[in-house]
Amino acid sequence: MSTARPKGGKGTPATVAAAKAGIDFTLHPYEPDPDAESYGAAAADALGIPHDRIFKTLLAEVDGRLTVGVVPVSASLDLKALAAAAGGKKARMADPDVAERATGYVVGGISPLGQRRRLPTVVDASASALATLYVSAGRRGLQIELAPADLVRLTGALVAAIARG
């Protein structure tokens, strides 16, 4: 892997954060499907990557506090498990507009890296079994591949079993 910026620009906040941290990563651009029901699954299919290697970034409110859950696109977020991992009692999915305002990204391109403000983050434990994983690089049509340990370190994440299915 290498540190690389997308062609034709200064990068996204996610790629800038990864480059500043000096971690190894690879960018994977693809043509996004505007009609996709699942942005993550569409990204996996476009890149020819198994769905359990691309992780989606989801925002939930845990006891009213925004929290990020990062789970494989092949699974769904277990809200009870996320609440427990974040030290709360109850979780519900955040409104998409709230997620966009809090992170600075648009839905379908929300990255766990380089968010407008650092939010509590929980990465699913399945990530630990992978040499590398993919997450959004901050816009639709661009994934960043990096080591799970680097993702956890850069986001200050907890690792817990928060995926189901």
N, C-alpha and C. Protein backbone atom coordinates (compact mmCIF):
# COMPACT_ATOMS: atom_id res chain seq x y z
N MET A 1 0.85 -1.18 0.00
CA MET A 1 0.00 0.00 0.00
C MET A 1 0.89 1.24 0.00
N SER A 2 0.28 2.33 -0.34
CA SER A 2 1.03 3.58 -0.38
C SER A 2 0.12 4.71 0.04
N THR A 3 0.74 5.81 0.40
CA THR A 3 -0.06 6.99 0.66
C THR A 3 -0.22 7.71 -0.66
N ALA A 4 -1.46 7.90 -1.06
CA ALA A 4 -1.73 8.51 -2.36
C ALA A 4 -2.94 9.41 -2.25
N ARG A 5 -2.92 10.45 -3.04
CA ARG A 5 -4.06 11.37 -3.07
C ARG A 5 -4.86 11.12 -4.34
N PRO A 6 -6.16 11.42 -4.28
CA PRO A 6 -6.94 11.25 -5.50
C PRO A 6 -6.46 12.19 -6.59
N LYS A 7 -6.63 11.76 -7.82
CA LYS A 7 -6.22 12.60 -8.95
C LYS A 7 -7.07 13.85 -9.02
N GLY A 8 -6.44 14.93 -9.39
CA GLY A 8 -7.17 16.15 -9.67
C GLY A 8 -7.63 16.92 -8.46
N GLY A 9 -6.98 16.74 -7.31
CA GLY A 9 -7.44 17.52 -6.18
C GLY A 9 -6.55 17.36 -4.97
N LYS A 10 -6.90 18.11 -3.96
CA LYS A 10 -6.12 18.09 -2.73
C LYS A 10 -6.54 16.97 -1.80
N GLY A 11 -7.56 16.23 -2.17
CA GLY A 11 -8.03 15.13 -1.34
C GLY A 11 -9.25 15.52 -0.53
N THR A 12 -9.74 14.57 0.19
CA THR A 12 -10.89 14.77 1.07
C THR A 12 -10.35 14.92 2.49
N PRO A 13 -11.17 15.37 3.43
CA PRO A 13 -10.70 15.42 4.82
C PRO A 13 -10.21 14.04 5.31
N ALA A 14 -10.83 12.97 4.82
CA ALA A 14 -10.42 11.62 5.21
C ALA A 14 -9.02 11.29 4.69
N THR A 15 -8.77 11.59 3.42
CA THR A 15 -7.45 11.27 2.85
C THR A 15 -6.38 12.18 3.42
N VAL A 16 -6.73 13.42 3.70
CA VAL A 16 -5.77 14.35 4.33
C VAL A 16 -5.41 13.86 5.73
N ALA A 17 -6.42 13.40 6.50
CA ALA A 17 -6.17 12.90 7.85
C ALA A 17 -5.27 11.67 7.81
N ALA A 18 -5.51 10.77 6.87
CA ALA A 18 -4.69 9.57 6.75
C ALA A 18 -3.26 9.92 6.34
N ALA A 19 -3.11 10.85 5.39
CA ALA A 19 -1.77 11.26 4.96
C ALA A 19 -1.02 11.95 6.09
N LYS A 20 -1.70 12.84 6.83
CA LYS A 20 -1.06 13.54 7.96
C LYS A 20 -0.59 12.57 9.03
N ALA A 21 -1.35 11.49 9.22
CA ALA A 21 -1.00 10.50 10.23
C ALA A 21 0.15 9.61 9.76
N GLY A 22 0.49 9.68 8.48
CA GLY A 22 1.61 8.92 7.96
C GLY A 22 1.35 7.43 7.83
N ILE A 23 0.09 7.04 7.74
CA ILE A 23 -0.22 5.62 7.62
C ILE A 23 -0.18 5.19 6.16
N ASP A 24 -0.03 3.90 5.95
CA ASP A 24 -0.10 3.35 4.60
C ASP A 24 -1.56 3.16 4.22
N PHE A 25 -1.93 3.63 3.05
CA PHE A 25 -3.28 3.43 2.56
C PHE A 25 -3.27 3.46 1.04
N THR A 26 -4.32 2.90 0.47
CA THR A 26 -4.51 2.90 -0.98
C THR A 26 -5.91 3.41 -1.27
N LEU A 27 -6.01 4.30 -2.23
CA LEU A 27 -7.31 4.81 -2.65
C LEU A 27 -7.83 3.98 -3.81
N HIS A 28 -9.14 3.73 -3.78
CA HIS A 28 -9.78 2.94 -4.82
C HIS A 28 -10.99 3.72 -5.36
N PRO A 29 -10.80 4.45 -6.47
CA PRO A 29 -11.94 5.15 -7.07
C PRO A 29 -12.81 4.17 -7.87
N TYR A 30 -14.07 4.49 -7.97
CA TYR A 30 -15.01 3.70 -8.77
C TYR A 30 -16.14 4.62 -9.18
N GLU A 31 -16.92 4.17 -10.14
CA GLU A 31 -18.06 4.96 -10.62
C GLU A 31 -19.25 4.63 -9.72
N PRO A 32 -19.71 5.60 -8.91
CA PRO A 32 -20.84 5.30 -8.01
C PRO A 32 -22.14 5.14 -8.77
N ASP A 33 -23.00 4.27 -8.25
CA ASP A 33 -24.32 4.04 -8.83
C ASP A 33 -25.32 4.92 -8.09
N PRO A 34 -25.85 5.97 -8.74
CA PRO A 34 -26.76 6.89 -8.06
C PRO A 34 -28.08 6.24 -7.64
N ASP A 35 -28.42 5.09 -8.24
CA ASP A 35 -29.67 4.41 -7.92
C ASP A 35 -29.50 3.25 -6.95
N ALA A 36 -28.29 3.08 -6.42
CA ALA A 36 -28.03 1.95 -5.53
C ALA A 36 -28.84 2.05 -4.25
N GLU A 37 -29.36 0.90 -3.81
CA GLU A 37 -30.07 0.86 -2.53
C GLU A 37 -29.08 0.87 -1.37
N SER A 38 -27.91 0.29 -1.59
CA SER A 38 -26.86 0.24 -0.58
C SER A 38 -25.57 0.77 -1.21
N TYR A 39 -25.11 1.92 -0.74
CA TYR A 39 -23.88 2.50 -1.29
C TYR A 39 -22.69 1.57 -1.08
N GLY A 40 -22.62 0.95 0.09
CA GLY A 40 -21.50 0.07 0.41
C GLY A 40 -21.47 -1.16 -0.47
N ALA A 41 -22.62 -1.81 -0.64
CA ALA A 41 -22.68 -2.99 -1.49
C ALA A 41 -22.35 -2.63 -2.94
N ALA A 42 -22.83 -1.48 -3.39
CA ALA A 42 -22.54 -1.04 -4.75
C ALA A 42 -21.04 -0.78 -4.92
N ALA A 43 -20.41 -0.22 -3.88
CA ALA A 43 -18.95 0.02 -3.93
C ALA A 43 -18.22 -1.31 -4.00
N ALA A 44 -18.62 -2.27 -3.18
CA ALA A 44 -17.97 -3.58 -3.18
C ALA A 44 -18.09 -4.24 -4.55
N ASP A 45 -19.29 -4.18 -5.12
CA ASP A 45 -19.52 -4.79 -6.43
C ASP A 45 -18.71 -4.09 -7.51
N ALA A 46 -18.66 -2.75 -7.48
CA ALA A 46 -17.92 -2.00 -8.49
C ALA A 46 -16.42 -2.29 -8.42
N LEU A 47 -15.92 -2.52 -7.20
CA LEU A 47 -14.49 -2.77 -7.02
C LEU A 47 -14.14 -4.26 -7.04
N GLY A 48 -15.16 -5.12 -7.07
CA GLY A 48 -14.91 -6.56 -7.07
C GLY A 48 -14.34 -7.06 -5.75
N ILE A 49 -14.80 -6.48 -4.66
CA ILE A 49 -14.30 -6.80 -3.32
C ILE A 49 -15.40 -7.50 -2.54
N PRO A 50 -15.06 -8.53 -1.76
CA PRO A 50 -16.09 -9.19 -0.93
C PRO A 50 -16.76 -8.18 0.01
N HIS A 51 -18.05 -8.34 0.20
CA HIS A 51 -18.84 -7.39 1.01
C HIS A 51 -18.39 -7.34 2.47
N ASP A 52 -17.70 -8.35 2.95
CA ASP A 52 -17.26 -8.32 4.35
C ASP A 52 -15.94 -7.57 4.53
N ARG A 53 -15.37 -7.06 3.44
CA ARG A 53 -14.12 -6.28 3.54
C ARG A 53 -14.36 -4.78 3.43
N ILE A 54 -15.55 -4.38 2.95
CA ILE A 54 -15.90 -2.96 2.89
C ILE A 54 -16.81 -2.68 4.08
N PHE A 55 -16.44 -1.65 4.84
CA PHE A 55 -17.19 -1.30 6.04
C PHE A 55 -17.93 0.01 5.82
N LYS A 56 -19.18 0.04 6.28
CA LYS A 56 -19.99 1.24 6.17
C LYS A 56 -19.91 2.01 7.48
N THR A 57 -20.04 3.31 7.36
CA THR A 57 -19.99 4.22 8.50
C THR A 57 -21.40 4.70 8.78
N LEU A 58 -21.93 4.33 9.94
CA LEU A 58 -23.30 4.66 10.31
C LEU A 58 -23.30 5.51 11.57
N LEU A 59 -24.18 6.50 11.60
CA LEU A 59 -24.31 7.33 12.80
C LEU A 59 -25.59 7.01 13.53
N ALA A 60 -25.44 6.87 14.84
CA ALA A 60 -26.58 6.60 15.71
C ALA A 60 -26.51 7.56 16.88
N GLU A 61 -27.62 7.71 17.54
CA GLU A 61 -27.66 8.48 18.78
C GLU A 61 -27.74 7.48 19.92
N VAL A 62 -26.72 7.48 20.76
CA VAL A 62 -26.68 6.63 21.95
C VAL A 62 -26.99 7.52 23.14
N ASP A 63 -28.14 7.29 23.74
CA ASP A 63 -28.62 8.14 24.84
C ASP A 63 -28.52 9.62 24.46
N GLY A 64 -28.85 9.93 23.18
CA GLY A 64 -28.87 11.30 22.69
C GLY A 64 -27.54 11.83 22.19
N ARG A 65 -26.46 11.04 22.30
CA ARG A 65 -25.13 11.48 21.87
C ARG A 65 -24.76 10.77 20.57
N LEU A 66 -24.37 11.55 19.56
CA LEU A 66 -23.99 10.96 18.28
C LEU A 66 -22.80 10.03 18.47
N THR A 67 -22.92 8.85 17.86
CA THR A 67 -21.89 7.82 17.95
C THR A 67 -21.77 7.17 16.58
N VAL A 68 -20.55 6.86 16.18
CA VAL A 68 -20.28 6.25 14.89
C VAL A 68 -20.13 4.74 15.06
N GLY A 69 -20.82 3.98 14.23
CA GLY A 69 -20.64 2.53 14.16
C GLY A 69 -20.09 2.18 12.80
N VAL A 70 -19.04 1.35 12.78
CA VAL A 70 -18.40 0.96 11.52
C VAL A 70 -18.53 -0.56 11.41
N VAL A 71 -19.34 -1.01 10.45
CA VAL A 71 -19.64 -2.44 10.30
C VAL A 71 -19.52 -2.85 8.83
N PRO A 72 -19.29 -4.16 8.59
CA PRO A 72 -19.21 -4.61 7.20
C PRO A 72 -20.52 -4.35 6.46
N VAL A 73 -20.43 -4.08 5.15
CA VAL A 73 -21.64 -3.85 4.37
C VAL A 73 -22.47 -5.12 4.26
N SER A 74 -21.87 -6.27 4.55
CA SER A 74 -22.59 -7.54 4.51
C SER A 74 -23.44 -7.76 5.76
N ALA A 75 -23.35 -6.85 6.72
CA ALA A 75 -24.07 -6.98 7.99
C ALA A 75 -24.87 -5.72 8.26
N SER A 76 -25.61 -5.75 9.35
CA SER A 76 -26.30 -4.54 9.80
C SER A 76 -25.80 -4.18 11.19
N LEU A 77 -26.06 -2.95 11.57
CA LEU A 77 -25.63 -2.45 12.87
C LEU A 77 -26.60 -2.93 13.94
N ASP A 78 -26.09 -3.57 14.97
CA ASP A 78 -26.88 -3.99 16.12
C ASP A 78 -26.91 -2.82 17.10
N LEU A 79 -28.03 -2.12 17.13
CA LEU A 79 -28.12 -0.90 17.95
C LEU A 79 -27.97 -1.17 19.44
N LYS A 80 -28.47 -2.30 19.92
CA LYS A 80 -28.30 -2.64 21.34
C LYS A 80 -26.83 -2.86 21.66
N ALA A 81 -26.12 -3.56 20.78
CA ALA A 81 -24.70 -3.82 20.98
C ALA A 81 -23.89 -2.52 20.91
N LEU A 82 -24.27 -1.62 20.00
CA LEU A 82 -23.59 -0.33 19.90
C LEU A 82 -23.79 0.47 21.19
N ALA A 83 -25.02 0.50 21.67
CA ALA A 83 -25.30 1.24 22.92
C ALA A 83 -24.46 0.68 24.06
N ALA A 84 -24.43 -0.64 24.18
CA ALA A 84 -23.65 -1.26 25.26
C ALA A 84 -22.16 -0.94 25.12
N ALA A 85 -21.63 -1.03 23.90
CA ALA A 85 -20.20 -0.75 23.68
C ALA A 85 -19.86 0.70 23.99
N ALA A 86 -20.81 1.60 23.73
CA ALA A 86 -20.58 3.03 23.96
C ALA A 86 -20.93 3.45 25.39
N GLY A 87 -21.31 2.48 26.21
CA GLY A 87 -21.62 2.78 27.60
C GLY A 87 -22.98 3.40 27.81
N GLY A 88 -23.88 3.17 26.87
CA GLY A 88 -25.22 3.74 26.97
C GLY A 88 -26.28 2.67 27.12
N LYS A 89 -27.51 3.12 27.18
CA LYS A 89 -28.64 2.20 27.35
C LYS A 89 -29.42 1.99 26.07
N LYS A 90 -29.60 3.07 25.29
CA LYS A 90 -30.47 2.99 24.12
C LYS A 90 -29.84 3.71 22.93
N ALA A 91 -30.00 3.09 21.76
CA ALA A 91 -29.48 3.71 20.54
C ALA A 91 -30.54 3.68 19.46
N ARG A 92 -30.51 4.70 18.62
CA ARG A 92 -31.37 4.74 17.44
C ARG A 92 -30.56 5.40 16.33
N MET A 93 -30.90 5.07 15.10
CA MET A 93 -30.18 5.66 13.97
C MET A 93 -30.39 7.17 13.96
N ALA A 94 -29.33 7.88 13.63
CA ALA A 94 -29.41 9.35 13.54
C ALA A 94 -30.10 9.73 12.24
N ASP A 95 -30.75 10.87 12.25
CA ASP A 95 -31.35 11.42 11.06
C ASP A 95 -30.23 11.70 10.05
N PRO A 96 -30.42 11.36 8.77
CA PRO A 96 -29.37 11.59 7.77
C PRO A 96 -28.88 13.04 7.72
N ASP A 97 -29.76 14.02 7.87
CA ASP A 97 -29.34 15.42 7.85
C ASP A 97 -28.43 15.73 9.03
N VAL A 98 -28.74 15.17 10.18
CA VAL A 98 -27.90 15.36 11.37
C VAL A 98 -26.53 14.71 11.14
N ALA A 99 -26.52 13.52 10.55
CA ALA A 99 -25.27 12.83 10.25
C ALA A 99 -24.39 13.65 9.31
N GLU A 100 -25.01 14.22 8.29
CA GLU A 100 -24.25 15.02 7.32
C GLU A 100 -23.68 16.28 7.97
N ARG A 101 -24.49 16.96 8.76
CA ARG A 101 -24.00 18.18 9.43
C ARG A 101 -22.87 17.87 10.41
N ALA A 102 -23.00 16.79 11.15
CA ALA A 102 -22.01 16.45 12.18
C ALA A 102 -20.68 16.01 11.58
N THR A 103 -20.74 15.30 10.45
CA THR A 103 -19.51 14.74 9.89
C THR A 103 -18.89 15.61 8.80
N GLY A 104 -19.71 16.41 8.13
CA GLY A 104 -19.20 17.19 7.00
C GLY A 104 -19.21 16.41 5.70
N TYR A 105 -19.78 15.21 5.71
CA TYR A 105 -19.87 14.36 4.52
C TYR A 105 -21.32 14.14 4.14
N VAL A 106 -21.54 13.70 2.89
CA VAL A 106 -22.89 13.36 2.46
C VAL A 106 -23.14 11.87 2.68
N VAL A 107 -24.39 11.51 2.92
CA VAL A 107 -24.76 10.11 3.08
C VAL A 107 -24.29 9.34 1.85
N GLY A 108 -23.71 8.19 2.06
CA GLY A 108 -23.13 7.40 0.98
C GLY A 108 -21.66 7.70 0.79
N GLY A 109 -21.18 8.75 1.44
CA GLY A 109 -19.77 9.12 1.38
C GLY A 109 -19.23 9.47 2.75
N ILE A 110 -19.95 9.09 3.81
CA ILE A 110 -19.49 9.41 5.17
C ILE A 110 -18.33 8.49 5.52
N SER A 111 -17.23 9.09 5.86
CA SER A 111 -16.04 8.36 6.25
C SER A 111 -15.88 8.43 7.77
N PRO A 112 -15.33 7.39 8.37
CA PRO A 112 -15.02 7.49 9.80
C PRO A 112 -13.81 8.38 10.05
N LEU A 113 -13.06 8.69 9.00
CA LEU A 113 -11.84 9.51 9.10
C LEU A 113 -12.13 10.96 8.72
N GLY A 114 -11.48 11.88 9.38
CA GLY A 114 -11.54 13.28 8.98
C GLY A 114 -12.89 13.93 9.15
N GLN A 115 -13.68 13.47 10.10
CA GLN A 115 -14.98 14.08 10.33
C GLN A 115 -14.82 15.48 10.91
N ARG A 116 -15.84 16.28 10.73
CA ARG A 116 -15.83 17.67 11.18
C ARG A 116 -15.45 17.77 12.66
N ARG A 117 -15.99 16.88 13.47
CA ARG A 117 -15.59 16.80 14.87
C ARG A 117 -15.50 15.32 15.23
N ARG A 118 -14.58 15.00 16.11
CA ARG A 118 -14.38 13.60 16.47
C ARG A 118 -15.55 13.13 17.32
N LEU A 119 -16.18 12.07 16.87
CA LEU A 119 -17.30 11.48 17.58
C LEU A 119 -16.87 10.13 18.15
N PRO A 120 -17.51 9.70 19.25
CA PRO A 120 -17.21 8.36 19.74
C PRO A 120 -17.44 7.35 18.61
N THR A 121 -16.52 6.44 18.44
CA THR A 121 -16.56 5.50 17.32
C THR A 121 -16.36 4.08 17.82
N VAL A 122 -17.14 3.15 17.26
CA VAL A 122 -17.00 1.74 17.57
C VAL A 122 -16.86 1.00 16.24
N VAL A 123 -15.78 0.23 16.10
CA VAL A 123 -15.52 -0.57 14.91
C VAL A 123 -15.87 -2.02 15.24
N ASP A 124 -16.60 -2.67 14.34
CA ASP A 124 -16.97 -4.06 14.59
C ASP A 124 -15.74 -4.95 14.73
N ALA A 125 -15.83 -5.89 15.65
CA ALA A 125 -14.72 -6.79 15.96
C ALA A 125 -14.26 -7.61 14.77
N SER A 126 -15.13 -7.83 13.79
CA SER A 126 -14.73 -8.62 12.62
C SER A 126 -13.59 -7.96 11.85
N ALA A 127 -13.42 -6.67 12.01
CA ALA A 127 -12.33 -5.96 11.32
C ALA A 127 -10.97 -6.49 11.74
N SER A 128 -10.85 -6.92 12.98
CA SER A 128 -9.56 -7.36 13.52
C SER A 128 -9.00 -8.57 12.79
N ALA A 129 -9.84 -9.36 12.15
CA ALA A 129 -9.40 -10.56 11.45
C ALA A 129 -8.86 -10.26 10.06
N LEU A 130 -8.98 -9.02 9.60
CA LEU A 130 -8.58 -8.65 8.25
C LEU A 130 -7.21 -7.99 8.23
N ALA A 131 -6.45 -8.24 7.17
CA ALA A 131 -5.17 -7.54 7.00
C ALA A 131 -5.43 -6.07 6.65
N THR A 132 -6.40 -5.85 5.76
CA THR A 132 -6.82 -4.49 5.41
C THR A 132 -8.33 -4.51 5.22
N LEU A 133 -8.92 -3.33 5.33
CA LEU A 133 -10.34 -3.16 5.07
C LEU A 133 -10.52 -1.87 4.30
N TYR A 134 -11.72 -1.68 3.81
CA TYR A 134 -12.07 -0.50 3.02
C TYR A 134 -13.16 0.27 3.73
N VAL A 135 -13.03 1.59 3.75
CA VAL A 135 -14.08 2.48 4.23
C VAL A 135 -14.18 3.64 3.25
N SER A 136 -15.24 4.38 3.33
CA SER A 136 -15.38 5.53 2.45
C SER A 136 -14.22 6.49 2.68
N ALA A 137 -13.73 7.05 1.60
CA ALA A 137 -12.65 8.03 1.69
C ALA A 137 -13.20 9.45 1.72
N GLY A 138 -14.52 9.58 1.94
CA GLY A 138 -15.08 10.91 2.12
C GLY A 138 -15.93 11.42 0.99
N ARG A 139 -16.15 10.60 0.00
CA ARG A 139 -17.09 10.96 -1.06
C ARG A 139 -17.54 9.68 -1.75
N ARG A 140 -18.71 9.75 -2.34
CA ARG A 140 -19.19 8.62 -3.11
C ARG A 140 -18.23 8.40 -4.27
N GLY A 141 -17.90 7.15 -4.51
CA GLY A 141 -16.99 6.84 -5.62
C GLY A 141 -15.53 6.75 -5.21
N LEU A 142 -15.24 6.75 -3.91
CA LEU A 142 -13.85 6.65 -3.47
C LEU A 142 -13.77 5.92 -2.14
N GLN A 143 -13.05 4.79 -2.15
CA GLN A 143 -12.82 4.01 -0.94
C GLN A 143 -11.34 4.10 -0.57
N ILE A 144 -11.07 4.03 0.73
CA ILE A 144 -9.70 4.01 1.21
C ILE A 144 -9.46 2.66 1.88
N GLU A 145 -8.38 2.01 1.48
CA GLU A 145 -7.99 0.72 2.05
C GLU A 145 -6.87 0.97 3.05
N LEU A 146 -7.04 0.46 4.26
CA LEU A 146 -6.04 0.64 5.31
C LEU A 146 -6.12 -0.51 6.30
N ALA A 147 -5.12 -0.60 7.16
CA ALA A 147 -5.10 -1.63 8.18
C ALA A 147 -6.14 -1.31 9.25
N PRO A 148 -6.84 -2.32 9.77
CA PRO A 148 -7.83 -2.06 10.82
C PRO A 148 -7.22 -1.33 12.03
N ALA A 149 -6.01 -1.68 12.41
CA ALA A 149 -5.38 -1.01 13.56
C ALA A 149 -5.19 0.47 13.31
N ASP A 150 -4.89 0.86 12.07
CA ASP A 150 -4.75 2.28 11.74
C ASP A 150 -6.10 2.99 11.81
N LEU A 151 -7.15 2.33 11.34
CA LEU A 151 -8.49 2.91 11.43
C LEU A 151 -8.86 3.15 12.89
N VAL A 152 -8.62 2.16 13.73
CA VAL A 152 -8.94 2.27 15.16
C VAL A 152 -8.13 3.39 15.80
N ARG A 153 -6.85 3.46 15.48
CA ARG A 153 -5.99 4.49 16.07
C ARG A 153 -6.40 5.89 15.62
N LEU A 154 -6.66 6.06 14.33
CA LEU A 154 -6.99 7.40 13.82
C LEU A 154 -8.34 7.91 14.29
N THR A 155 -9.26 7.01 14.58
CA THR A 155 -10.60 7.43 15.02
C THR A 155 -10.74 7.38 16.54
N GLY A 156 -9.75 6.80 17.23
CA GLY A 156 -9.87 6.62 18.68
C GLY A 156 -10.97 5.64 19.02
N ALA A 157 -11.21 4.68 18.14
CA ALA A 157 -12.35 3.78 18.26
C ALA A 157 -12.17 2.70 19.31
N LEU A 158 -13.30 2.24 19.79
CA LEU A 158 -13.39 0.99 20.54
C LEU A 158 -13.63 -0.11 19.51
N VAL A 159 -13.25 -1.32 19.84
CA VAL A 159 -13.55 -2.47 18.98
C VAL A 159 -14.49 -3.38 19.76
N ALA A 160 -15.64 -3.68 19.16
CA ALA A 160 -16.65 -4.51 19.83
C ALA A 160 -17.51 -5.18 18.78
N ALA A 161 -18.17 -6.25 19.16
CA ALA A 161 -19.09 -6.97 18.25
C ALA A 161 -20.39 -6.16 18.16
N ILE A 162 -20.50 -5.36 17.10
CA ILE A 162 -21.68 -4.50 16.92
C ILE A 162 -22.44 -4.80 15.63
N ALA A 163 -21.99 -5.83 14.89
CA ALA A 163 -22.66 -6.20 13.64
C ALA A 163 -23.51 -7.44 13.86
N ARG A 164 -24.57 -7.54 13.08
CA ARG A 164 -25.37 -8.76 13.10
C ARG A 164 -25.71 -9.12 11.65
N GLY A 165 -25.90 -10.40 11.45
CA GLY A 165 -26.27 -10.87 10.12
C GLY A 165 -25.10 -11.24 9.36
